[in-house]
Amino acid sequence: MDEYAWPTGPEVPSGEVVRRSWAATVAALPVETQITGEVIGRQPFGIFIRIDGVPDAVALAEIAAMPQRMDLPVLGASVTAEAYWHAHSHQVRVPAR
């Protein structure tokens, strides 16, 4: 199996669901909100996170926002971070820790 995977599966919200619920996501997760979630996808540029308590939201932790030499968390890992931006692509941006 390739070490990288796009988010897939029945527990991953579709792009349309994420777009429709974007206003509610921004209201529920203002900048500086602490989030916890599960890694649902990995790419060379970062990880995708399903956010606990906000099932229609997806977070992205990009490598540029991670400490140097940090290994990407594996699929299924639990991560904690702080929301620092609401991207036009309907993603909550976070640095992984």
Protein backbone atom coordinates (compact mmCIF):
# COMPACT_ATOMS: atom_id res chain seq x y z
CA MET A 1 0.00 0.00 0.00
CA ASP A 2 1.23 3.48 -0.85
CA GLU A 3 2.04 5.61 2.19
CA TYR A 4 -0.13 8.40 0.77
CA ALA A 5 -3.91 8.24 0.53
CA TRP A 6 -6.72 10.67 -0.26
CA PRO A 7 -9.59 10.80 2.25
CA THR A 8 -12.17 8.17 1.31
CA GLY A 9 -14.89 6.13 2.94
CA PRO A 10 -18.40 6.57 4.27
CA GLU A 11 -17.22 8.59 7.30
CA VAL A 12 -15.57 11.24 5.09
CA PRO A 13 -17.96 14.10 4.19
CA SER A 14 -18.39 14.76 0.48
CA GLY A 15 -17.17 18.01 -1.01
CA GLU A 16 -20.77 19.15 -1.42
CA VAL A 17 -21.56 18.50 2.26
CA VAL A 18 -18.42 20.39 3.31
CA ARG A 19 -19.39 23.36 1.09
CA ARG A 20 -23.00 23.46 2.30
CA SER A 21 -21.97 23.41 5.95
CA TRP A 22 -19.08 25.89 5.61
CA ALA A 23 -20.79 28.78 7.45
CA ALA A 24 -21.62 26.47 10.36
CA THR A 25 -18.04 25.14 10.38
CA VAL A 26 -16.54 28.64 10.56
CA ALA A 27 -18.95 29.54 13.37
CA ALA A 28 -18.14 26.35 15.31
CA LEU A 29 -14.36 26.59 14.81
CA PRO A 30 -13.18 30.19 15.05
CA VAL A 31 -9.48 30.89 14.65
CA GLU A 32 -7.51 29.75 17.73
CA THR A 33 -10.01 26.96 18.51
CA GLN A 34 -8.30 23.80 19.74
CA ILE A 35 -9.36 20.81 17.64
CA THR A 36 -8.81 17.08 17.90
CA GLY A 37 -9.44 14.66 15.10
CA GLU A 38 -8.43 11.59 13.14
CA VAL A 39 -6.06 11.55 10.18
CA ILE A 40 -8.20 10.47 7.21
CA GLY A 41 -5.76 11.21 4.38
CA ARG A 42 -2.06 11.76 3.75
CA GLN A 43 -0.30 13.46 0.88
CA PRO A 44 3.28 14.65 0.40
CA PHE A 45 2.08 18.19 1.24
CA GLY A 46 0.27 17.34 4.52
CA ILE A 47 -2.58 15.49 6.23
CA PHE A 48 -6.37 15.69 6.15
CA ILE A 49 -8.19 15.50 9.48
CA ARG A 50 -11.80 14.62 10.34
CA ILE A 51 -12.58 16.97 13.23
CA ASP A 52 -14.19 15.50 16.36
CA GLY A 53 -17.62 17.03 17.01
CA VAL A 54 -17.85 18.72 13.60
CA PRO A 55 -18.55 15.82 11.23
CA ASP A 56 -19.06 17.96 8.11
CA ALA A 57 -15.67 19.68 8.36
CA VAL A 58 -12.23 18.72 7.10
CA ALA A 59 -8.97 20.21 8.34
CA LEU A 60 -5.70 20.32 6.45
CA ALA A 61 -2.31 20.45 8.16
CA GLU A 62 0.26 21.36 5.52
CA ILE A 63 3.92 20.45 5.82
CA ALA A 64 4.79 24.15 5.74
CA ALA A 65 2.86 24.54 9.02
CA MET A 66 4.59 21.60 10.76
CA PRO A 67 7.80 21.58 12.77
CA GLN A 68 10.86 20.73 10.66
CA ARG A 69 11.74 17.05 10.45
CA MET A 70 8.31 16.06 11.79
CA ASP A 71 7.01 12.79 10.34
CA LEU A 72 3.49 12.92 8.98
CA PRO A 73 1.05 11.17 11.32
CA VAL A 74 -0.25 7.85 9.97
CA LEU A 75 -3.82 7.20 8.80
CA GLY A 76 -6.07 6.76 11.81
CA ALA A 77 -3.80 8.69 14.19
CA SER A 78 -5.37 11.14 16.60
CA VAL A 79 -4.00 14.68 16.32
CA THR A 80 -4.55 17.92 18.20
CA ALA A 81 -4.02 21.37 16.73
CA GLU A 82 -5.31 24.92 16.72
CA ALA A 83 -7.33 26.38 13.86
CA TYR A 84 -5.39 29.26 12.33
CA TRP A 85 -7.19 29.94 9.05
CA HIS A 86 -10.42 29.25 7.15
CA ALA A 87 -9.35 28.57 3.57
CA HIS A 88 -11.35 29.50 0.48
CA SER A 89 -11.21 25.78 -0.37
CA HIS A 90 -13.54 25.10 2.58
CA GLN A 91 -10.81 23.65 4.79
CA VAL A 92 -9.89 24.54 8.32
CA ARG A 93 -6.11 25.01 8.26
CA VAL A 94 -4.14 23.80 11.27
CA PRO A 95 -0.51 23.13 12.16
CA ALA A 96 -0.01 19.48 13.19
CA ARG A 97 1.65 18.77 16.50
